C-alpha atoms as a PDB file:
ATOM      1  CA  MET A   1     -26.105  26.939 -58.301  1.00  0.00           C
ATOM      2  CA  ALA A   2     -26.788  23.474 -58.071  1.00  0.00           C
ATOM      3  CA  VAL A   3     -23.203  22.573 -57.009  1.00  0.00           C
ATOM      4  CA  ASN A   4     -23.403  25.216 -54.034  1.00  0.00           C
ATOM      5  CA  ALA A   5     -26.773  23.935 -53.310  1.00  0.00           C
ATOM      6  CA  SER A   6     -25.561  20.337 -52.362  1.00  0.00           C
ATOM      7  CA  LEU A   7     -23.022  21.218 -50.831  1.00  0.00           C
ATOM      8  CA  SER A   8     -24.926  23.421 -48.514  1.00  0.00           C
ATOM      9  CA  CYS A   9     -27.005  20.832 -47.828  1.00  0.00           C
ATOM     10  CA  ILE A  10     -24.223  18.796 -46.384  1.00  0.00           C
ATOM     11  CA  ARG A  11     -22.700  20.912 -44.409  1.00  0.00           C
ATOM     12  CA  LEU A  12     -26.210  21.513 -42.858  1.00  0.00           C
ATOM     13  CA  HIS A  13     -26.663  17.590 -42.469  1.00  0.00           C
ATOM     14  CA  ASN A  14     -23.050  17.362 -41.084  1.00  0.00           C
ATOM     15  CA  LEU A  15     -24.140  20.040 -38.962  1.00  0.00           C
ATOM     16  CA  SER A  16     -27.179  18.767 -37.566  1.00  0.00           C
ATOM     17  CA  PRO A  17     -27.075  17.165 -33.970  1.00  0.00           C
ATOM     18  CA  LYS A  18     -27.284  13.448 -33.805  1.00  0.00           C
ATOM     19  CA  PRO A  19     -30.227  11.731 -32.070  1.00  0.00           C
ATOM     20  CA  GLN A  20     -29.083  10.458 -29.068  1.00  0.00           C
ATOM     21  CA  HIS A  21     -30.492   7.112 -27.830  1.00  0.00           C
ATOM     22  CA  PHE A  22     -31.312   7.048 -23.782  1.00  0.00           C
ATOM     23  CA  PRO A  23     -32.465   3.749 -22.408  1.00  0.00           C
ATOM     24  CA  SER A  24     -36.019   2.541 -22.825  1.00  0.00           C
ATOM     25  CA  ARG A  25     -38.538   3.704 -20.199  1.00  0.00           C
ATOM     26  CA  SER A  26     -39.678   0.062 -19.245  1.00  0.00           C
ATOM     27  CA  SER A  27     -36.432  -1.326 -18.271  1.00  0.00           C
ATOM     28  CA  SER A  28     -35.001   1.659 -15.960  1.00  0.00           C
ATOM     29  CA  SER A  29     -37.997   4.284 -15.298  1.00  0.00           C
ATOM     30  CA  SER A  30     -36.341   5.987 -12.367  1.00  0.00           C
ATOM     31  CA  LEU A  31     -33.145   5.829 -13.901  1.00  0.00           C
ATOM     32  CA  TYR A  32     -34.138   7.586 -17.130  1.00  0.00           C
ATOM     33  CA  SER A  33     -36.705  10.368 -15.138  1.00  0.00           C
ATOM     34  CA  SER A  34     -33.751  11.114 -12.779  1.00  0.00           C
ATOM     35  CA  PHE A  35     -31.064  11.896 -15.893  1.00  0.00           C
ATOM     36  CA  THR A  36     -33.346  13.781 -18.249  1.00  0.00           C
ATOM     37  CA  GLN A  37     -34.287  15.850 -15.131  1.00  0.00           C
ATOM     38  CA  ASN A  38     -30.478  16.360 -13.701  1.00  0.00           C
ATOM     39  CA  PRO A  39     -28.174  13.826 -16.089  1.00  0.00           C
ATOM     40  CA  LEU A  40     -24.743  15.271 -14.090  1.00  0.00           C
ATOM     41  CA  GLN A  41     -25.847  14.412 -10.392  1.00  0.00           C
ATOM     42  CA  THR A  42     -27.682  11.412 -12.325  1.00  0.00           C
ATOM     43  CA  HIS A  43     -24.246  10.582 -14.453  1.00  0.00           C
ATOM     44  CA  LEU A  44     -22.192  11.045 -10.737  1.00  0.00           C
ATOM     45  CA  GLN A  45     -23.843   9.361  -9.000  1.00  0.00           C
ATOM     46  CA  LEU A  46     -23.200   6.086 -11.671  1.00  0.00           C
ATOM     47  CA  ARG A  47     -19.207   6.978 -11.003  1.00  0.00           C
ATOM     48  CA  LEU A  48     -19.023   7.045  -8.024  1.00  0.00           C
ATOM     49  CA  GLN A  49     -20.965   4.187  -7.267  1.00  0.00           C
ATOM     50  CA  PRO A  50     -18.943   0.754  -5.691  1.00  0.00           C
ATOM     51  CA  ILE A  51     -18.298  -1.607  -7.862  1.00  0.00           C
ATOM     52  CA  ARG A  52     -20.288  -4.693  -6.609  1.00  0.00           C
ATOM     53  CA  SER A  53     -19.550  -8.797  -6.656  1.00  0.00           C
ATOM     54  CA  ALA A  54     -22.104 -10.739  -8.453  1.00  0.00           C
ATOM     55  CA  LYS A  55     -22.160 -13.188  -5.732  1.00  0.00           C
ATOM     56  CA  SER A  56     -22.714 -10.637  -2.504  1.00  0.00           C
ATOM     57  CA  ASN A  57     -23.162  -7.207  -1.961  1.00  0.00           C
ATOM     58  CA  PHE A  58     -20.288  -6.252  -0.474  1.00  0.00           C
ATOM     59  CA  PRO A  59     -17.944  -3.774  -2.581  1.00  0.00           C
ATOM     60  CA  VAL A  60     -15.031  -5.346  -4.532  1.00  0.00           C
ATOM     61  CA  ILE A  61     -11.898  -5.150  -1.912  1.00  0.00           C
ATOM     62  CA  GLN A  62      -8.800  -4.311  -4.228  1.00  0.00           C
ATOM     63  CA  MET A  63      -5.636  -6.066  -1.472  1.00  0.00           C
ATOM     64  CA  THR A  64      -2.709  -7.859  -2.223  1.00  0.00           C
ATOM     65  CA  MET A  65      -2.726 -11.144  -1.026  1.00  0.00           C
ATOM     66  CA  GLU A  66      -0.289 -12.358   1.112  1.00  0.00           C
ATOM     67  CA  ALA A  67       0.988 -15.917   1.458  1.00  0.00           C
ATOM     68  CA  GLY A  68       0.352 -15.952   5.136  1.00  0.00           C
ATOM     69  CA  VAL A  69      -0.060 -14.285   8.619  1.00  0.00           C
ATOM     70  CA  GLY A  70       2.757 -12.060   9.896  1.00  0.00           C
ATOM     71  CA  VAL A  71       3.937 -10.732  12.739  1.00  0.00           C
ATOM     72  CA  MET A  72       4.853  -7.193  13.869  1.00  0.00           C
ATOM     73  CA  GLY A  73       8.177  -6.256  15.574  1.00  0.00           C
ATOM     74  CA  THR A  74       9.603  -3.493  16.449  1.00  0.00           C
ATOM     75  CA  LYS A  75      13.410  -2.728  15.108  1.00  0.00           C
ATOM     76  CA  LEU A  76      16.394  -2.360  17.238  1.00  0.00           C
ATOM     77  CA  GLY A  77      19.268  -1.773  14.962  1.00  0.00           C
ATOM     78  CA  MET A  78      21.786  -3.331  13.264  1.00  0.00           C
ATOM     79  CA  MET A  79      24.573  -5.371  14.145  1.00  0.00           C
ATOM     80  CA  SER A  80      27.230  -8.310  12.866  1.00  0.00           C
ATOM     81  CA  TYR A  81      26.332 -11.514  13.243  1.00  0.00           C
ATOM     82  CA  PHE A  82      29.424 -14.535  12.992  1.00  0.00           C
ATOM     83  CA  GLU A  83      27.664 -17.462  11.266  1.00  0.00           C
ATOM     84  CA  PRO A  84      29.435 -21.565  12.551  1.00  0.00           C
ATOM     85  CA  ASP A  85      31.810 -21.239  10.035  1.00  0.00           C
ATOM     86  CA  GLY A  86      33.538 -17.751  10.912  1.00  0.00           C
ATOM     87  CA  LYS A  87      31.304 -15.767   7.565  1.00  0.00           C
ATOM     88  CA  VAL A  88      30.543 -12.162   8.791  1.00  0.00           C
ATOM     89  CA  VAL A  89      26.710 -11.585   7.777  1.00  0.00           C
ATOM     90  CA  PRO A  90      24.673  -7.746   8.822  1.00  0.00           C
ATOM     91  CA  VAL A  91      21.660  -8.457  10.502  1.00  0.00           C
ATOM     92  CA  THR A  92      19.076  -6.317  11.178  1.00  0.00           C
ATOM     93  CA  VAL A  93      17.816  -6.650  15.022  1.00  0.00           C
ATOM     94  CA  VAL A  94      14.077  -7.184  15.241  1.00  0.00           C
ATOM     95  CA  GLY A  95      12.561  -7.040  18.724  1.00  0.00           C
ATOM     96  CA  PHE A  96       8.533  -8.123  19.901  1.00  0.00           C
ATOM     97  CA  ARG A  97       6.729  -6.057  22.820  1.00  0.00           C
ATOM     98  CA  GLU A  98       3.163  -7.200  24.184  1.00  0.00           C
ATOM     99  CA  GLY A  99       1.107  -7.691  21.302  1.00  0.00           C
ATOM    100  CA  ASN A 100       0.699  -9.664  17.788  1.00  0.00           C
ATOM    101  CA  ILE A 101      -2.882 -10.835  18.932  1.00  0.00           C
ATOM    102  CA  VAL A 102      -5.757 -11.527  16.834  1.00  0.00           C
ATOM    103  CA  THR A 103      -8.205  -8.612  17.014  1.00  0.00           C
ATOM    104  CA  GLN A 104     -10.555 -10.046  14.364  1.00  0.00           C
ATOM    105  CA  VAL A 105     -11.623 -12.138  11.517  1.00  0.00           C
ATOM    106  CA  LYS A 106     -13.180 -11.243   8.476  1.00  0.00           C
ATOM    107  CA  THR A 107     -14.929 -13.591   5.872  1.00  0.00           C
ATOM    108  CA  GLU A 108     -16.169 -13.997   2.204  1.00  0.00           C
ATOM    109  CA  ALA A 109     -20.010 -13.678   4.167  1.00  0.00           C
ATOM    110  CA  THR A 110     -19.199 -10.486   6.587  1.00  0.00           C
ATOM    111  CA  ASP A 111     -16.633  -8.171   4.713  1.00  0.00           C
ATOM    112  CA  GLY A 112     -16.432  -9.404   1.385  1.00  0.00           C
ATOM    113  CA  TYR A 113     -12.936 -10.802   1.770  1.00  0.00           C
ATOM    114  CA  ASN A 114     -10.889 -13.093   4.076  1.00  0.00           C
ATOM    115  CA  ALA A 115      -8.828 -11.089   6.391  1.00  0.00           C
ATOM    116  CA  VAL A 116      -7.392 -11.764   9.807  1.00  0.00           C
ATOM    117  CA  GLN A 117      -6.675  -8.440  12.390  1.00  0.00           C
ATOM    118  CA  VAL A 118      -3.681  -8.151  14.426  1.00  0.00           C
ATOM    119  CA  GLY A 119      -3.174  -5.767  17.129  1.00  0.00           C
ATOM    120  CA  TYR A 120       0.280  -5.140  18.466  1.00  0.00           C
ATOM    121  CA  ARG A 121       1.837  -3.089  20.836  1.00  0.00           C
ATOM    122  CA  ARG A 122      -0.051  -2.640  24.142  1.00  0.00           C
ATOM    123  CA  VAL A 123      -0.543   1.068  25.391  1.00  0.00           C
ATOM    124  CA  ARG A 124      -2.640   2.086  27.868  1.00  0.00           C
ATOM    125  CA  ASP A 125      -6.532   2.816  28.344  1.00  0.00           C
ATOM    126  CA  ARG A 126      -6.350   5.966  27.763  1.00  0.00           C
ATOM    127  CA  LYS A 127      -4.198   6.247  25.079  1.00  0.00           C
ATOM    128  CA  LEU A 128      -7.431   5.115  22.553  1.00  0.00           C
ATOM    129  CA  THR A 129     -10.608   6.501  21.889  1.00  0.00           C
ATOM    130  CA  LYS A 130     -13.774   5.047  22.767  1.00  0.00           C
ATOM    131  CA  PRO A 131     -14.117   3.367  18.927  1.00  0.00           C
ATOM    132  CA  GLU A 132     -11.206   2.219  19.425  1.00  0.00           C
ATOM    133  CA  MET A 133     -11.282   0.712  22.586  1.00  0.00           C
ATOM    134  CA  GLY A 134     -15.302  -1.056  22.186  1.00  0.00           C
ATOM    135  CA  HIS A 135     -13.480  -2.641  18.798  1.00  0.00           C
ATOM    136  CA  LEU A 136     -10.782  -4.288  21.759  1.00  0.00           C
ATOM    137  CA  GLU A 137     -12.980  -5.114  23.956  1.00  0.00           C
ATOM    138  CA  LYS A 138     -14.999  -6.693  21.420  1.00  0.00           C
ATOM    139  CA  ALA A 139     -12.748  -9.090  20.877  1.00  0.00           C
ATOM    140  CA  GLY A 140     -11.311  -9.632  24.841  1.00  0.00           C
ATOM    141  CA  THR A 141      -8.215  -8.538  23.987  1.00  0.00           C
ATOM    142  CA  ILE A 142      -5.534  -6.238  25.582  1.00  0.00           C
ATOM    143  CA  PRO A 143      -5.362  -2.171  24.325  1.00  0.00           C
ATOM    144  CA  MET A 144      -2.815  -2.393  21.533  1.00  0.00           C
ATOM    145  CA  ARG A 145      -1.642   0.725  19.641  1.00  0.00           C
ATOM    146  CA  HIS A 146      -1.392  -0.621  16.406  1.00  0.00           C
ATOM    147  CA  LEU A 147      -4.041  -3.100  14.196  1.00  0.00           C
ATOM    148  CA  GLN A 148      -2.776  -4.351  11.061  1.00  0.00           C
ATOM    149  CA  GLU A 149      -4.873  -6.725   8.246  1.00  0.00           C
ATOM    150  CA  PHE A 150      -3.402  -9.618   6.164  1.00  0.00           C
ATOM    151  CA  ARG A 151      -5.211 -11.158   3.629  1.00  0.00           C
ATOM    152  CA  LEU A 152      -5.610 -14.754   3.125  1.00  0.00           C
ATOM    153  CA  VAL A 153      -6.588 -16.783   0.704  1.00  0.00           C
ATOM    154  CA  ALA A 154      -8.881 -18.577   4.122  1.00  0.00           C
ATOM    155  CA  VAL A 155      -9.069 -18.145   7.603  1.00  0.00           C
ATOM    156  CA  ASP A 156      -9.574 -21.151   9.228  1.00  0.00           C
ATOM    157  CA  GLY A 157      -7.746 -21.671  12.571  1.00  0.00           C
ATOM    158  CA  PHE A 158      -7.395 -18.111  13.638  1.00  0.00           C
ATOM    159  CA  GLU A 159      -9.933 -16.947  16.348  1.00  0.00           C
ATOM    160  CA  PRO A 160     -10.420 -13.690  18.560  1.00  0.00           C
ATOM    161  CA  ASN A 161      -7.794 -13.397  20.963  1.00  0.00           C
ATOM    162  CA  GLN A 162      -5.359 -15.763  19.988  1.00  0.00           C
ATOM    163  CA  LYS A 163      -1.575 -15.222  20.195  1.00  0.00           C
ATOM    164  CA  LEU A 164       0.586 -16.051  17.222  1.00  0.00           C
ATOM    165  CA  VAL A 165       3.464 -17.204  18.535  1.00  0.00           C
ATOM    166  CA  LEU A 166       7.127 -16.636  15.982  1.00  0.00           C
ATOM    167  CA  GLU A 167       8.712 -19.844  16.472  1.00  0.00           C
ATOM    168  CA  GLU A 168       5.250 -21.091  15.025  1.00  0.00           C
ATOM    169  CA  LEU A 169       5.486 -19.420  11.937  1.00  0.00           C
ATOM    170  CA  PHE A 170       8.829 -19.298  10.917  1.00  0.00           C
ATOM    171  CA  ASN A 171      11.929 -21.102  10.736  1.00  0.00           C
ATOM    172  CA  GLU A 172      15.684 -19.924  10.773  1.00  0.00           C
ATOM    173  CA  GLY A 173      16.198 -19.594   6.834  1.00  0.00           C
ATOM    174  CA  ASP A 174      13.091 -18.834   5.582  1.00  0.00           C
ATOM    175  CA  LEU A 175      12.643 -15.611   3.257  1.00  0.00           C
ATOM    176  CA  VAL A 176      10.500 -13.025   4.481  1.00  0.00           C
ATOM    177  CA  ASP A 177       9.069  -9.703   3.434  1.00  0.00           C
ATOM    178  CA  VAL A 178       9.318  -6.501   5.374  1.00  0.00           C
ATOM    179  CA  SER A 179       8.001  -3.699   5.187  1.00  0.00           C
ATOM    180  CA  GLY A 180       8.191   0.197   7.472  1.00  0.00           C
ATOM    181  CA  THR A 181       8.280   3.240   6.881  1.00  0.00           C
ATOM    182  CA  THR A 182      11.931   4.827   6.049  1.00  0.00           C
ATOM    183  CA  ILE A 183      13.657   7.803   7.632  1.00  0.00           C
ATOM    184  CA  GLY A 184      12.590  11.087   6.729  1.00  0.00           C
ATOM    185  CA  LYS A 185      14.979  13.366   5.303  1.00  0.00           C
ATOM    186  CA  GLY A 186      13.004  16.171   4.461  1.00  0.00           C
ATOM    187  CA  PHE A 187      12.890  18.768   1.563  1.00  0.00           C
ATOM    188  CA  GLN A 188      16.216  17.686  -0.884  1.00  0.00           C
ATOM    189  CA  GLY A 189      18.047  18.898  -3.337  1.00  0.00           C
ATOM    190  CA  GLY A 190      18.575  17.018  -7.229  1.00  0.00           C
ATOM    191  CA  ILE A 191      21.773  15.154  -6.258  1.00  0.00           C
ATOM    192  CA  LYS A 192      20.152  13.748  -3.101  1.00  0.00           C
ATOM    193  CA  ARG A 193      17.596  12.352  -3.759  1.00  0.00           C
ATOM    194  CA  HIS A 194      17.632  11.892  -7.472  1.00  0.00           C
ATOM    195  CA  ASN A 195      21.501  10.880  -7.791  1.00  0.00           C
ATOM    196  CA  PHE A 196      22.242  14.088 -10.035  1.00  0.00           C
ATOM    197  CA  LYS A 197      25.657  15.371 -11.470  1.00  0.00           C
ATOM    198  CA  ARG A 198      26.642  18.342 -10.624  1.00  0.00           C
ATOM    199  CA  GLY A 199      28.365  21.084 -12.112  1.00  0.00           C
ATOM    200  CA  PRO A 200      32.098  22.115 -12.174  1.00  0.00           C
ATOM    201  CA  MET A 201      33.283  23.729  -9.448  1.00  0.00           C
ATOM    202  CA  THR A 202      35.911  26.220 -11.382  1.00  0.00           C
ATOM    203  CA  HIS A 203      36.469  27.495 -14.383  1.00  0.00           C
ATOM    204  CA  GLY A 204      33.957  30.108 -14.260  1.00  0.00           C
ATOM    205  CA  SER A 205      31.050  27.706 -14.407  1.00  0.00           C
ATOM    206  CA  LYS A 206      27.820  29.373 -12.077  1.00  0.00           C
ATOM    207  CA  SER A 207      26.431  25.987 -12.491  1.00  0.00           C
ATOM    208  CA  HIS A 208      27.274  23.631  -9.520  1.00  0.00           C
ATOM    209  CA  ARG A 209      24.225  22.088  -7.398  1.00  0.00           C
ATOM    210  CA  ALA A 210      21.249  23.648  -9.447  1.00  0.00           C
ATOM    211  CA  LEU A 211      18.652  21.447 -11.027  1.00  0.00           C
ATOM    212  CA  GLY A 212      19.514  22.790 -14.681  1.00  0.00           C
ATOM    213  CA  SER A 213      16.742  23.046 -17.438  1.00  0.00           C
ATOM    214  CA  ILE A 214      13.344  21.437 -16.441  1.00  0.00           C
ATOM    215  CA  GLY A 215      11.978  21.499 -20.263  1.00  0.00           C
ATOM    216  CA  ALA A 216      11.851  23.260 -23.353  1.00  0.00           C
ATOM    217  CA  GLY A 217       9.979  26.865 -24.107  1.00  0.00           C
ATOM    218  CA  THR A 218       7.337  27.056 -26.697  1.00  0.00           C
ATOM    219  CA  THR A 219       6.823  23.460 -27.587  1.00  0.00           C
ATOM    220  CA  PRO A 220       5.474  22.209 -24.681  1.00  0.00           C
ATOM    221  CA  GLY A 221       5.175  25.472 -22.540  1.00  0.00           C
ATOM    222  CA  ARG A 222       5.554  23.418 -19.634  1.00  0.00           C
ATOM    223  CA  VAL A 223       7.343  20.908 -17.369  1.00  0.00           C
ATOM    224  CA  TYR A 224       6.288  17.071 -18.155  1.00  0.00           C
ATOM    225  CA  LYS A 225       4.593  15.103 -15.472  1.00  0.00           C
ATOM    226  CA  GLY A 226       6.787  13.212 -13.345  1.00  0.00           C
ATOM    227  CA  LYS A 227       9.599  15.236 -13.743  1.00  0.00           C
ATOM    228  CA  LYS A 228      12.370  14.375 -11.383  1.00  0.00           C
ATOM    229  CA  MET A 229      12.830  18.082  -9.158  1.00  0.00           C
ATOM    230  CA  PRO A 230      14.087  18.615  -5.943  1.00  0.00           C
ATOM    231  CA  GLY A 231      11.402  17.858  -3.626  1.00  0.00           C
ATOM    232  CA  ARG A 232      10.218  15.916   0.165  1.00  0.00           C
ATOM    233  CA  MET A 233      12.369  12.960   0.514  1.00  0.00           C
ATOM    234  CA  GLY A 234      12.108   9.521   2.541  1.00  0.00           C
ATOM    235  CA  GLY A 235       9.091   8.903   4.755  1.00  0.00           C
ATOM    236  CA  THR A 236       7.432   6.811   2.994  1.00  0.00           C
ATOM    237  CA  LYS A 237       6.541   3.117   3.072  1.00  0.00           C
ATOM    238  CA  THR A 238       8.981   0.413   1.865  1.00  0.00           C
ATOM    239  CA  LYS A 239       8.984  -3.362   1.218  1.00  0.00           C
ATOM    240  CA  ILE A 240      12.210  -4.909   0.999  1.00  0.00           C
ATOM    241  CA  ARG A 241      11.759  -8.518  -0.330  1.00  0.00           C
ATOM    242  CA  LYS A 242      13.139 -12.071  -0.034  1.00  0.00           C
ATOM    243  CA  LEU A 243      15.407 -11.301   2.937  1.00  0.00           C
ATOM    244  CA  LYS A 244      16.945 -14.036   4.930  1.00  0.00           C
ATOM    245  CA  ILE A 245      15.671 -15.139   8.814  1.00  0.00           C
ATOM    246  CA  VAL A 246      19.534 -15.895  10.158  1.00  0.00           C
ATOM    247  CA  LYS A 247      18.706 -16.768  13.638  1.00  0.00           C
ATOM    248  CA  ILE A 248      15.168 -16.492  15.703  1.00  0.00           C
ATOM    249  CA  ASP A 249      16.401 -15.797  19.803  1.00  0.00           C
ATOM    250  CA  ASN A 250      13.719 -17.574  21.988  1.00  0.00           C
ATOM    251  CA  ASP A 251      14.976 -16.636  25.188  1.00  0.00           C
ATOM    252  CA  LEU A 252      15.756 -12.374  24.207  1.00  0.00           C
ATOM    253  CA  ARG A 253      12.763 -12.325  22.003  1.00  0.00           C
ATOM    254  CA  VAL A 254      14.283 -11.377  19.298  1.00  0.00           C
ATOM    255  CA  VAL A 255      15.143 -12.176  15.590  1.00  0.00           C
ATOM    256  CA  MET A 256      18.028 -11.074  13.777  1.00  0.00           C
ATOM    257  CA  ILE A 257      17.370 -10.876   9.832  1.00  0.00           C
ATOM    258  CA  LYS A 258      19.563 -10.674   6.855  1.00  0.00           C
ATOM    259  CA  GLY A 259      19.861  -7.005   5.742  1.00  0.00           C
ATOM    260  CA  ALA A 260      18.919  -4.226   6.480  1.00  0.00           C
ATOM    261  CA  VAL A 261      15.657  -2.844   6.511  1.00  0.00           C
ATOM    262  CA  PRO A 262      13.587   0.164   6.313  1.00  0.00           C
ATOM    263  CA  GLY A 263      13.037   2.694   9.391  1.00  0.00           C
ATOM    264  CA  LYS A 264      15.292   3.546  12.087  1.00  0.00           C
ATOM    265  CA  PRO A 265      15.682   2.141  15.357  1.00  0.00           C
ATOM    266  CA  GLY A 266      12.151   1.854  17.190  1.00  0.00           C
ATOM    267  CA  ASN A 267      10.271   2.109  14.444  1.00  0.00           C
ATOM    268  CA  LEU A 268       7.326  -0.367  13.538  1.00  0.00           C
ATOM    269  CA  LEU A 269       7.946  -3.567  11.043  1.00  0.00           C
ATOM    270  CA  ARG A 270       5.568  -5.904   9.500  1.00  0.00           C
ATOM    271  CA  ILE A 271       7.162  -8.941   8.954  1.00  0.00           C
ATOM    272  CA  THR A 272       5.184 -11.607   6.150  1.00  0.00           C
ATOM    273  CA  PRO A 273       6.210 -14.704   4.673  1.00  0.00           C
ATOM    274  CA  ALA A 274       7.708 -13.943   1.119  1.00  0.00           C
ATOM    275  CA  LYS A 275       5.453 -14.229  -1.831  1.00  0.00           C
ATOM    276  CA  ILE A 276       6.642 -16.341  -4.198  1.00  0.00           C
ATOM    277  CA  VAL A 277       4.826 -16.510  -7.231  1.00  0.00           C
ATOM    278  CA  GLY A 278       3.589 -20.102  -8.250  1.00  0.00           C
ATOM    279  CA  LYS A 279       4.826 -21.170  -5.027  1.00  0.00           C
ATOM    280  CA  ASN A 280       2.564 -19.851  -2.188  1.00  0.00           C
ATOM    281  CA  ILE A 281       0.174 -18.197  -4.012  1.00  0.00           C
ATOM    282  CA  PRO A 282      -1.470 -18.414  -6.970  1.00  0.00           C
ATOM    283  CA  LYS A 283      -0.380 -17.066 -10.700  1.00  0.00           C
ATOM    284  CA  ASN A 284      -3.429 -14.953 -11.509  1.00  0.00           C
END
């Protein structure tokens, strides 16, 4: 009987609710009262609050730092370029429409981070909304279709309505990063999308281009996340890094970049100096 009583006491002690420690009323009385009245709503408010830096009241912006300000261009196509020694180099020809004008300069004092906003490709006024027109008129620039930011370590020397000259930013032989939207392929199967192998086409096989097994049965009883399956292919933003500028033609206003870049002719491209850790961007 004594043993059973001690075991029952141990069970009751383990099942008894443990005291919860809330913040003191003196330190955060408003938070304590709101949490006791509606704990779920207060928890969601705390989770949804933006992370703010200790030095300023602006939210912490999570962005990648660029090695330098870049430009936007239009893909024209590919061709073969013959170097003076006779070597054939496949290049992508990038043209430039009217634009590449600074529309806004963001600083840590005003926006919480340093960045330069650049506009590209002039359009008619009726093609833009009134807020977009007001933003561009404030900077004193022409109406432009595309606006992109280049986050930099320092924005000294930039001002609104400043024209970015390609020859001053890049030279022949420089390495650049080119990003754009890839060509959309639509809904594709596993063979084209993920380079799967097909089954035999003869000898009675009934598995030709089908996906096959996508997982076990009872265990785990589900399909693992990230499983390579048929789906939409292409049409995503992609960056090709460290491409070499072969030729800059000032008369034709084109740049020849070695290799292929994302997208089809007519697509928008973003050209920035290649990021080399420890050389033009800090290691941290």
